[in-house]
Amino acid sequence: MGKAKLTNWMVILNPQAGSGQGRKDVEKIRKRLHKAGFQFELFISNYPQHAIHLTMKGIERGYRKLIVAGGDGTMNEVANGVLQQQVCAPSEVIVGMIPVGTGNDWIKTFGIPNNYKKAIKRIRKGKTILQDVGLINYQEGEQQKQRFFTNMAGFGFDALVAQKANRLKEKGHTGWRIYLQSLVTGYLNYQTRKVSLRLDGEKVEDLIFSTSIGIGKYNGGGMMQAPGAIPNNGVFQVTVIREIGLGGILKNLPGLFNGQFVNDERVSVFQASKVVVASENQIEGEADGENLGNHQFELEILPQQLQVIVGKKSKVKLHE
């Protein structure tokens, strides 16, 4: 893409991101963008899924350059807006990120600095890739639903931890410690279930503790649960943790943050473009940290759908 033109940007800011940090930093972000020379219109996301609506309306009005000022959940909503709208091809829209969230896991794969000034500098540079996107079909209550995700989906224990972390965020807690706290308290309330997985037709059925399906490498505030994930290669990395016990979790805790836990004999890693996750009992699900239904999930990867601005430390091949 080359150096970005600084006119006609739409900024979507989530005031709840970072447990309210977005609300505190509205003017700081506005001033930094002005100082960097951006011409933009700022929109505030006021309730869950509002950013989806704002994105779709913005694209209808002619915006093709978007900046997400929020966390992984806000990026998820903006991506859903880009992919749901029917005004233009999703790949014609450019999405940059100013991280304001608590976990900020998406940025770790794409080399975006967790710093307003440096993140805005990367947006000015304008280096982009077309990243893969995941599509999930799932049931919530009696309703059949569909959602896109940009980073990682998790099922079983993974999703329970996300659920607990979201509750702590709602209470105003911040920082990576909320994920560690959720990990510990979640284990005390979790029962390993018999889960059936279909991975491009291959069947895996076992007592499964957790399943992570990654486009990006990180979730849960920096845990590298899909260390081999490449966000533009057209396949998910699927990490399956079988029944592991508390001792196994504690043994592998450091390895969760550098990817080495996949060497444990109770962990299996697959690649697949289509995945079905099902259980006779209810099983929790989440995508990009947002909680989903609790029964059966069908996932499909959509190759190179979303054009995103990346940082200089991103090792993903650039889209020219």
Protein backbone atom coordinates (compact mmCIF):
# COMPACT_ATOMS: atom_id res chain seq x y z
CA MET A 1 0.00 0.00 0.00
CA GLY A 2 2.87 2.42 0.71
CA LYS A 3 2.61 5.45 2.96
CA ALA A 4 -1.00 6.08 3.92
CA LYS A 5 -2.87 9.16 2.73
CA LEU A 6 -3.98 10.99 5.84
CA THR A 7 -7.38 12.23 4.64
CA ASN A 8 -10.86 10.74 5.06
CA TRP A 9 -10.33 8.36 7.97
CA MET A 10 -13.09 7.00 10.17
CA VAL A 11 -12.07 6.37 13.80
CA ILE A 12 -14.23 4.03 15.88
CA LEU A 13 -13.45 4.30 19.59
CA ASN A 14 -14.75 2.02 22.32
CA PRO A 15 -14.97 3.96 25.61
CA GLN A 16 -15.28 0.67 27.56
CA ALA A 17 -12.00 -0.73 26.19
CA GLY A 18 -9.30 -1.30 28.77
CA SER A 19 -11.94 -1.26 31.53
CA GLY A 20 -12.81 2.37 30.74
CA GLN A 21 -9.40 3.52 29.51
CA GLY A 22 -10.96 4.38 26.16
CA ARG A 23 -13.26 6.92 27.82
CA LYS A 24 -10.37 8.54 29.71
CA ASP A 25 -8.17 8.76 26.62
CA VAL A 26 -10.60 10.06 23.97
CA GLU A 27 -9.00 13.50 23.84
CA LYS A 28 -5.46 12.12 24.06
CA ILE A 29 -6.11 9.88 21.03
CA ARG A 30 -7.84 12.70 19.15
CA LYS A 31 -4.91 15.07 19.75
CA ARG A 32 -2.31 12.48 18.74
CA LEU A 33 -4.11 11.80 15.47
CA HIS A 34 -4.40 15.53 14.72
CA LYS A 35 -0.72 16.01 15.56
CA ALA A 36 0.19 13.18 13.19
CA GLY A 37 -1.70 14.96 10.40
CA PHE A 38 -4.77 12.73 10.10
CA GLN A 39 -8.07 14.15 8.86
CA PHE A 40 -10.78 12.01 10.43
CA GLU A 41 -14.24 11.73 11.91
CA LEU A 42 -14.52 10.13 15.36
CA PHE A 43 -17.37 7.81 16.27
CA ILE A 44 -18.01 6.39 19.76
CA SER A 45 -19.22 2.81 20.20
CA ASN A 46 -21.76 2.95 23.03
CA TYR A 47 -23.04 -0.62 23.45
CA PRO A 48 -22.24 -4.22 22.43
CA GLN A 49 -22.13 -4.66 18.63
CA HIS A 50 -22.56 -0.91 18.07
CA ALA A 51 -19.18 -0.84 16.27
CA ILE A 52 -20.57 -3.32 13.72
CA HIS A 53 -23.38 -0.89 12.89
CA LEU A 54 -21.07 2.15 12.86
CA THR A 55 -18.67 0.40 10.49
CA MET A 56 -21.38 -0.60 8.04
CA LYS A 57 -22.88 2.91 8.04
CA GLY A 58 -19.43 4.45 7.61
CA ILE A 59 -18.68 2.31 4.57
CA GLU A 60 -22.09 3.22 3.11
CA ARG A 61 -21.09 6.88 3.51
CA GLY A 62 -17.89 6.26 1.55
CA TYR A 63 -15.24 5.57 4.20
CA ARG A 64 -12.63 3.03 3.12
CA LYS A 65 -9.97 3.75 5.78
CA LEU A 66 -10.86 2.81 9.35
CA ILE A 67 -9.00 3.07 12.65
CA VAL A 68 -10.05 0.91 15.59
CA ALA A 69 -9.35 2.55 18.96
CA GLY A 70 -10.13 -0.29 21.33
CA GLY A 71 -9.26 -3.89 22.10
CA ASP A 72 -9.70 -7.28 20.49
CA GLY A 73 -13.47 -7.16 20.90
CA THR A 74 -13.69 -3.81 19.10
CA MET A 75 -11.48 -5.08 16.28
CA ASN A 76 -13.79 -8.09 16.05
CA GLU A 77 -16.87 -5.87 15.72
CA VAL A 78 -15.29 -3.60 13.10
CA ALA A 79 -14.17 -6.64 11.11
CA ASN A 80 -17.73 -8.02 11.30
CA GLY A 81 -19.01 -4.70 9.97
CA VAL A 82 -16.51 -4.74 7.09
CA LEU A 83 -17.38 -8.32 6.18
CA GLN A 84 -21.16 -7.96 6.53
CA GLN A 85 -21.56 -4.80 4.45
CA GLN A 86 -22.38 -5.20 0.75
CA VAL A 87 -21.28 -1.83 -0.61
CA CYS A 88 -17.77 -2.88 -1.66
CA ALA A 89 -15.41 -5.83 -1.50
CA PRO A 90 -14.14 -6.19 2.11
CA SER A 91 -10.56 -6.15 0.84
CA GLU A 92 -11.05 -2.56 -0.41
CA VAL A 93 -11.34 -1.35 3.20
CA ILE A 94 -8.16 -0.70 5.20
CA VAL A 95 -8.22 -1.23 8.97
CA GLY A 96 -5.63 0.16 11.38
CA MET A 97 -5.44 -0.33 15.14
CA ILE A 98 -4.72 1.92 18.12
CA PRO A 99 -4.70 -0.57 21.02
CA VAL A 100 -6.69 0.48 24.08
CA GLY A 101 -7.79 -2.94 25.34
CA THR A 102 -6.78 -5.08 28.30
CA GLY A 103 -5.50 -8.19 26.49
CA ASN A 104 -4.54 -6.68 23.12
CA ASP A 105 -3.76 -10.09 21.65
CA TRP A 106 -4.44 -9.36 17.97
CA ILE A 107 -1.66 -6.75 17.82
CA LYS A 108 0.99 -9.22 19.04
CA THR A 109 0.86 -11.27 15.84
CA PHE A 110 0.72 -8.22 13.58
CA GLY A 111 3.56 -6.23 15.17
CA ILE A 112 1.49 -3.24 16.33
CA PRO A 113 3.08 -1.42 19.31
CA ASN A 114 0.99 -1.22 22.48
CA ASN A 115 1.51 2.54 22.56
CA TYR A 116 -0.69 5.27 21.06
CA LYS A 117 2.06 7.33 19.47
CA LYS A 118 3.91 4.36 17.99
CA ALA A 119 0.71 2.67 16.78
CA ILE A 120 -0.34 5.87 14.98
CA LYS A 121 3.11 6.00 13.40
CA ARG A 122 2.57 2.49 12.01
CA ILE A 123 -0.79 3.58 10.57
CA ARG A 124 0.99 6.48 8.84
CA LYS A 125 3.47 4.02 7.34
CA GLY A 126 0.53 2.15 5.83
CA LYS A 127 2.04 -1.33 5.39
CA THR A 128 -0.81 -3.81 4.94
CA ILE A 129 -1.57 -7.49 4.56
CA LEU A 130 -4.75 -9.29 3.60
CA GLN A 131 -5.39 -11.49 6.63
CA ASP A 132 -7.55 -14.58 6.82
CA VAL A 133 -10.86 -14.40 8.68
CA GLY A 134 -12.78 -17.11 10.50
CA LEU A 135 -16.53 -17.61 10.08
CA ILE A 136 -18.46 -19.36 12.89
CA ASN A 137 -21.99 -20.73 12.65
CA TYR A 138 -23.43 -21.48 16.09
CA GLN A 139 -26.61 -21.69 18.08
CA GLU A 140 -27.51 -19.30 20.89
CA GLY A 141 -30.70 -20.35 22.62
CA GLU A 142 -33.13 -21.14 19.81
CA GLN A 143 -31.41 -18.84 17.32
CA GLN A 144 -28.89 -19.83 14.66
CA LYS A 145 -26.19 -17.18 14.44
CA GLN A 146 -23.10 -16.34 12.44
CA ARG A 147 -20.00 -14.36 13.36
CA PHE A 148 -16.59 -13.57 11.91
CA PHE A 149 -13.38 -13.50 13.93
CA THR A 150 -9.91 -12.16 13.24
CA ASN A 151 -7.66 -13.73 15.87
CA MET A 152 -8.70 -16.85 17.79
CA ALA A 153 -11.73 -18.87 18.85
CA GLY A 154 -11.74 -21.10 21.92
CA PHE A 155 -13.96 -23.86 23.23
CA GLY A 156 -14.26 -25.55 26.60
CA PHE A 157 -11.92 -24.26 29.28
CA ASP A 158 -10.59 -21.55 26.94
CA ALA A 159 -14.05 -20.04 26.61
CA LEU A 160 -14.80 -20.30 30.33
CA VAL A 161 -11.63 -18.29 31.08
CA ALA A 162 -12.74 -15.62 28.57
CA GLN A 163 -16.18 -15.51 30.20
CA LYS A 164 -14.68 -14.98 33.66
CA ALA A 165 -12.20 -12.39 32.35
CA ASN A 166 -15.06 -10.42 30.75
CA ARG A 167 -16.90 -10.34 34.09
CA LEU A 168 -13.78 -8.99 35.82
CA LYS A 169 -13.42 -6.33 33.12
CA GLU A 170 -17.04 -5.29 33.67
CA LYS A 171 -16.17 -4.79 37.34
CA GLY A 172 -13.31 -2.45 36.43
CA HIS A 173 -10.35 -4.84 36.78
CA THR A 174 -7.48 -4.30 34.36
CA GLY A 175 -4.18 -5.84 33.29
CA TRP A 176 -2.96 -9.33 32.41
CA ARG A 177 -3.62 -10.51 35.99
CA ILE A 178 -7.33 -10.80 35.24
CA TYR A 179 -6.50 -13.63 32.81
CA LEU A 180 -4.32 -15.41 35.35
CA GLN A 181 -7.05 -15.03 37.99
CA SER A 182 -9.64 -16.31 35.50
CA LEU A 183 -7.38 -19.25 34.66
CA VAL A 184 -7.17 -20.32 38.30
CA THR A 185 -10.80 -19.75 39.30
CA GLY A 186 -12.00 -21.23 36.01
CA TYR A 187 -10.18 -24.48 36.68
CA LEU A 188 -11.94 -24.86 40.02
CA ASN A 189 -15.33 -24.67 38.27
CA TYR A 190 -14.58 -26.65 35.13
CA GLN A 191 -15.23 -30.26 34.19
CA THR A 192 -13.46 -31.85 31.20
CA ARG A 193 -16.04 -33.00 28.64
CA LYS A 194 -16.17 -35.56 25.88
CA VAL A 195 -15.89 -33.51 22.71
CA SER A 196 -16.13 -34.45 19.06
CA LEU A 197 -13.99 -32.50 16.56
CA ARG A 198 -14.06 -32.73 12.79
CA LEU A 199 -10.97 -31.25 11.17
CA ASP A 200 -11.41 -31.16 7.37
CA GLY A 201 -13.21 -34.50 7.73
CA GLU A 202 -10.75 -36.11 10.18
CA LYS A 203 -12.53 -37.02 13.41
CA VAL A 204 -11.06 -36.54 16.90
CA GLU A 205 -13.19 -37.66 19.85
CA ASP A 206 -11.87 -37.64 23.39
CA LEU A 207 -12.07 -36.10 26.83
CA ILE A 208 -10.92 -32.64 25.82
CA PHE A 209 -10.01 -29.88 28.22
CA SER A 210 -9.69 -27.05 25.70
CA THR A 211 -9.64 -26.36 21.96
CA SER A 212 -8.07 -23.21 20.45
CA ILE A 213 -8.54 -22.34 16.77
CA GLY A 214 -6.09 -19.67 15.69
CA ILE A 215 -5.59 -17.25 12.85
CA GLY A 216 -3.28 -15.26 15.13
CA LYS A 217 -0.95 -16.78 17.70
CA TYR A 218 -2.10 -15.22 21.00
CA ASN A 219 -5.13 -14.99 23.25
CA GLY A 220 -5.95 -14.60 26.93
CA GLY A 221 -3.65 -11.63 27.53
CA GLY A 222 -0.51 -12.97 25.84
CA MET A 223 -0.83 -16.76 25.98
CA MET A 224 0.61 -18.24 22.77
CA GLN A 225 -2.02 -20.91 22.27
CA ALA A 226 -1.50 -21.25 18.50
CA PRO A 227 2.27 -20.79 18.11
CA GLY A 228 2.33 -22.03 14.51
CA ALA A 229 -0.56 -19.87 13.27
CA ILE A 230 0.11 -17.78 10.14
CA PRO A 231 -2.67 -15.24 9.56
CA ASN A 232 -2.63 -15.32 5.76
CA ASN A 233 -1.93 -18.97 4.87
CA GLY A 234 -5.55 -20.11 4.47
CA VAL A 235 -5.70 -22.58 7.37
CA PHE A 236 -6.41 -22.48 11.09
CA GLN A 237 -3.95 -23.82 13.63
CA VAL A 238 -6.02 -26.02 15.94
CA THR A 239 -4.56 -26.74 19.38
CA VAL A 240 -6.29 -29.49 21.36
CA ILE A 241 -5.51 -30.04 25.05
CA ARG A 242 -6.80 -33.37 26.33
CA GLU A 243 -7.58 -34.12 29.98
CA ILE A 244 -4.59 -32.63 31.77
CA GLY A 245 -5.26 -32.06 35.50
CA LEU A 246 -4.08 -29.25 37.75
CA GLY A 247 -0.51 -30.57 37.86
CA GLY A 248 -0.34 -30.51 34.08
CA ILE A 249 -1.66 -26.95 33.95
CA LEU A 250 0.87 -25.71 36.50
CA LYS A 251 3.71 -27.55 34.76
CA ASN A 252 2.80 -26.00 31.41
CA LEU A 253 1.91 -22.50 32.62
CA PRO A 254 5.23 -20.91 31.52
CA GLY A 255 4.93 -22.75 28.20
CA LEU A 256 1.53 -21.16 27.59
CA PHE A 257 3.31 -17.82 27.12
CA ASN A 258 6.04 -19.03 24.74
CA GLY A 259 4.22 -21.80 22.89
CA GLN A 260 6.29 -24.64 24.36
CA PHE A 261 3.24 -26.26 26.00
CA VAL A 262 2.41 -27.88 22.64
CA ASN A 263 5.28 -30.31 23.29
CA ASP A 264 3.29 -31.94 26.12
CA GLU A 265 2.03 -35.42 25.14
CA ARG A 266 -1.51 -34.39 26.09
CA VAL A 267 -1.50 -31.59 23.50
CA SER A 268 -2.11 -32.13 19.77
CA VAL A 269 -1.77 -29.58 16.98
CA PHE A 270 -3.59 -29.72 13.64
CA GLN A 271 -4.14 -27.55 10.58
CA ALA A 272 -7.58 -27.32 9.04
CA SER A 273 -9.72 -25.02 6.92
CA LYS A 274 -13.02 -26.34 8.32
CA VAL A 275 -13.66 -27.38 11.92
CA VAL A 276 -16.76 -28.65 13.72
CA VAL A 277 -16.79 -28.62 17.54
CA ALA A 278 -19.60 -30.53 19.25
CA SER A 279 -20.42 -32.07 22.62
CA GLU A 280 -23.39 -33.98 24.01
CA ASN A 281 -23.17 -31.66 27.01
CA GLN A 282 -23.06 -27.89 26.79
CA ILE A 283 -19.67 -26.52 25.80
CA GLU A 284 -18.67 -22.88 26.11
CA GLY A 285 -17.45 -20.99 23.05
CA GLU A 286 -15.75 -17.65 22.43
CA ALA A 287 -14.25 -15.75 19.51
CA ASP A 288 -11.77 -12.90 19.99
CA GLY A 289 -12.71 -12.93 23.68
CA GLU A 290 -16.44 -12.50 23.00
CA ASN A 291 -18.69 -15.24 24.40
CA LEU A 292 -20.81 -17.27 21.98
CA GLY A 293 -23.37 -20.08 22.29
CA ASN A 294 -22.86 -23.40 24.04
CA HIS A 295 -23.68 -26.39 21.86
CA GLN A 296 -22.19 -26.98 18.39
CA PHE A 297 -19.91 -24.72 16.37
CA GLU A 298 -19.00 -24.89 12.69
CA LEU A 299 -15.92 -22.88 11.67
CA GLU A 300 -14.53 -22.10 8.24
CA ILE A 301 -11.53 -20.03 7.23
CA LEU A 302 -11.99 -17.35 4.57
CA PRO A 303 -8.55 -16.68 3.05
CA GLN A 304 -7.19 -13.13 2.81
CA GLN A 305 -10.41 -11.20 3.33
CA LEU A 306 -9.46 -8.26 5.58
CA GLN A 307 -6.83 -5.65 4.73
CA VAL A 308 -5.07 -4.62 7.95
CA ILE A 309 -2.17 -2.33 8.72
CA VAL A 310 0.79 -4.14 10.28
CA GLY A 311 3.88 -3.04 12.20
CA LYS A 312 7.53 -3.37 11.25
CA LYS A 313 7.96 -6.34 13.64
CA SER A 314 5.28 -8.33 11.84
CA LYS A 315 6.82 -11.36 10.12
CA VAL A 316 3.78 -11.88 7.92
CA LYS A 317 4.36 -11.34 4.20
CA LEU A 318 3.22 -7.85 3.20
CA HIS A 319 0.46 -7.28 0.68
CA GLU A 320 1.71 -4.94 -2.03
